[in-house]
Amino acid sequence: MHGTDSWDAQLVAPSLESFWKCVVLFREIARNRANPVQLEMNPPADEEINAFLNGLHRLCDGNETAISFWVVQAEIGMESES
C-alpha cells in the first residue's frame, strides 16, 4: 500500500531467475545480521561488501536502481563499491 498518490514501479532484477539469485546474495550478506543490533555487532567486511556489490552488478545488468534496492535492504553504503 502506498496511499492515494501514484507511483512508478521499478524493477529490482531483470528476470525472475536473477531475482532469486539476488535473494541468495542478500541472504549471504544478511547471515548473522538479522537486525540492527546484530549488524552493528557483526558488520560486513569490505570483502563481503565488494562480493555483494559485484554480484548485484552482474545479476542486475548494472541497473543502478535495482542495485540500490538491494543495497538499501542490506543497509550498506554504495561508497563501499570498488
C-alpha atoms as a PDB file:
ATOM      1  CA  MET A   1       0.000   0.000   0.000  1.00  0.00           C
ATOM      2  CA  HIS A   2       1.267   3.445  -0.818  1.00  0.00           C
ATOM      3  CA  GLY A   3      -1.613   5.829  -0.195  1.00  0.00           C
ATOM      4  CA  THR A   4      -3.502   7.771  -2.825  1.00  0.00           C
ATOM      5  CA  ASP A   5      -0.560   9.122  -4.822  1.00  0.00           C
ATOM      6  CA  SER A   6       0.631   7.377  -7.930  1.00  0.00           C
ATOM      7  CA  TRP A   7       3.980   5.646  -8.065  1.00  0.00           C
ATOM      8  CA  ASP A   8       6.270   4.344 -10.732  1.00  0.00           C
ATOM      9  CA  ALA A   9       7.182   0.675 -10.235  1.00  0.00           C
ATOM     10  CA  GLN A  10      10.867  -0.128 -10.667  1.00  0.00           C
ATOM     11  CA  LEU A  11      12.441  -3.496 -11.423  1.00  0.00           C
ATOM     12  CA  VAL A  12      14.702  -4.909  -8.728  1.00  0.00           C
ATOM     13  CA  ALA A  13      16.075  -7.597 -11.065  1.00  0.00           C
ATOM     14  CA  PRO A  14      15.955  -8.119 -14.834  1.00  0.00           C
ATOM     15  CA  SER A  15      14.349 -11.571 -14.546  1.00  0.00           C
ATOM     16  CA  LEU A  16      12.779 -13.897 -12.015  1.00  0.00           C
ATOM     17  CA  GLU A  17      15.880 -16.079 -12.107  1.00  0.00           C
ATOM     18  CA  SER A  18      18.084 -13.044 -11.374  1.00  0.00           C
ATOM     19  CA  PHE A  19      15.735 -12.001  -8.575  1.00  0.00           C
ATOM     20  CA  TRP A  20      16.159 -15.354  -6.800  1.00  0.00           C
ATOM     21  CA  LYS A  21      19.929 -15.171  -7.249  1.00  0.00           C
ATOM     22  CA  CYS A  22      19.853 -11.680  -5.705  1.00  0.00           C
ATOM     23  CA  VAL A  23      17.865 -13.106  -2.786  1.00  0.00           C
ATOM     24  CA  VAL A  24      20.605 -15.726  -2.287  1.00  0.00           C
ATOM     25  CA  LEU A  25      23.274 -12.983  -2.316  1.00  0.00           C
ATOM     26  CA  PHE A  26      21.224 -10.975   0.162  1.00  0.00           C
ATOM     27  CA  ARG A  27      20.811 -13.994   2.455  1.00  0.00           C
ATOM     28  CA  GLU A  28      24.571 -14.488   2.449  1.00  0.00           C
ATOM     29  CA  ILE A  29      25.384 -10.928   3.478  1.00  0.00           C
ATOM     30  CA  ALA A  30      22.484 -10.843   5.970  1.00  0.00           C
ATOM     31  CA  ARG A  31      23.578 -14.029   7.761  1.00  0.00           C
ATOM     32  CA  ASN A  32      24.023 -13.233  11.479  1.00  0.00           C
ATOM     33  CA  ARG A  33      22.811  -9.685  10.758  1.00  0.00           C
ATOM     34  CA  ALA A  34      19.054 -10.150  11.164  1.00  0.00           C
ATOM     35  CA  ASN A  35      18.532  -6.851  12.977  1.00  0.00           C
ATOM     36  CA  PRO A  36      20.338  -3.544  13.565  1.00  0.00           C
ATOM     37  CA  VAL A  37      21.960  -4.767  16.794  1.00  0.00           C
ATOM     38  CA  GLN A  38      23.404  -7.846  15.087  1.00  0.00           C
ATOM     39  CA  LEU A  39      24.503  -5.724  12.132  1.00  0.00           C
ATOM     40  CA  GLU A  40      26.316  -3.324  14.468  1.00  0.00           C
ATOM     41  CA  MET A  41      27.955  -6.219  16.334  1.00  0.00           C
ATOM     42  CA  ASN A  42      28.879  -8.037  13.106  1.00  0.00           C
ATOM     43  CA  PRO A  43      29.387  -5.502  10.305  1.00  0.00           C
ATOM     44  CA  PRO A  44      30.250  -6.996   6.929  1.00  0.00           C
ATOM     45  CA  ALA A  45      33.905  -6.964   5.967  1.00  0.00           C
ATOM     46  CA  ASP A  46      34.966  -4.988   2.909  1.00  0.00           C
ATOM     47  CA  GLU A  47      35.456  -8.260   1.029  1.00  0.00           C
ATOM     48  CA  GLU A  48      31.847  -9.290   1.772  1.00  0.00           C
ATOM     49  CA  ILE A  49      30.512  -5.923   0.664  1.00  0.00           C
ATOM     50  CA  ASN A  50      32.561  -5.983  -2.541  1.00  0.00           C
ATOM     51  CA  ALA A  51      31.425  -9.532  -3.363  1.00  0.00           C
ATOM     52  CA  PHE A  52      27.800  -8.497  -2.730  1.00  0.00           C
ATOM     53  CA  LEU A  53      28.051  -5.390  -4.906  1.00  0.00           C
ATOM     54  CA  ASN A  54      29.903  -7.192  -7.697  1.00  0.00           C
ATOM     55  CA  GLY A  55      27.300  -9.947  -7.676  1.00  0.00           C
ATOM     56  CA  LEU A  56      24.489  -7.387  -7.820  1.00  0.00           C
ATOM     57  CA  HIS A  57      26.109  -5.567 -10.736  1.00  0.00           C
ATOM     58  CA  ARG A  58      26.369  -8.854 -12.619  1.00  0.00           C
ATOM     59  CA  LEU A  59      22.862 -10.092 -11.767  1.00  0.00           C
ATOM     60  CA  CYS A  60      21.142  -6.724 -12.301  1.00  0.00           C
ATOM     61  CA  ASP A  61      22.975  -5.913 -15.533  1.00  0.00           C
ATOM     62  CA  GLY A  62      24.416  -2.783 -13.905  1.00  0.00           C
ATOM     63  CA  ASN A  63      20.950  -1.246 -13.322  1.00  0.00           C
ATOM     64  CA  GLU A  64      21.682   1.247 -10.523  1.00  0.00           C
ATOM     65  CA  THR A  65      18.021   1.445  -9.434  1.00  0.00           C
ATOM     66  CA  ALA A  66      17.878  -2.317  -8.921  1.00  0.00           C
ATOM     67  CA  ILE A  67      21.274  -2.394  -7.219  1.00  0.00           C
ATOM     68  CA  SER A  68      20.259   0.441  -4.905  1.00  0.00           C
ATOM     69  CA  PHE A  69      17.174  -1.519  -3.825  1.00  0.00           C
ATOM     70  CA  TRP A  70      19.300  -4.439  -2.631  1.00  0.00           C
ATOM     71  CA  VAL A  71      21.941  -2.187  -1.048  1.00  0.00           C
ATOM     72  CA  VAL A  72      19.272  -0.385   0.984  1.00  0.00           C
ATOM     73  CA  GLN A  73      17.868  -3.726   2.158  1.00  0.00           C
ATOM     74  CA  ALA A  74      21.349  -4.815   3.278  1.00  0.00           C
ATOM     75  CA  GLU A  75      21.939  -1.435   4.961  1.00  0.00           C
ATOM     76  CA  ILE A  76      25.332  -0.937   3.326  1.00  0.00           C
ATOM     77  CA  GLY A  77      26.561   2.141   1.518  1.00  0.00           C
ATOM     78  CA  MET A  78      27.239   2.419  -2.190  1.00  0.00           C
ATOM     79  CA  GLU A  79      30.510   4.127  -1.301  1.00  0.00           C
ATOM     80  CA  SER A  80      31.854   0.637  -0.494  1.00  0.00           C
ATOM     81  CA  GLU A  81      31.696  -0.226  -4.184  1.00  0.00           C
ATOM     82  CA  SER A  82      35.019  -0.890  -5.906  1.00  0.00           C
END
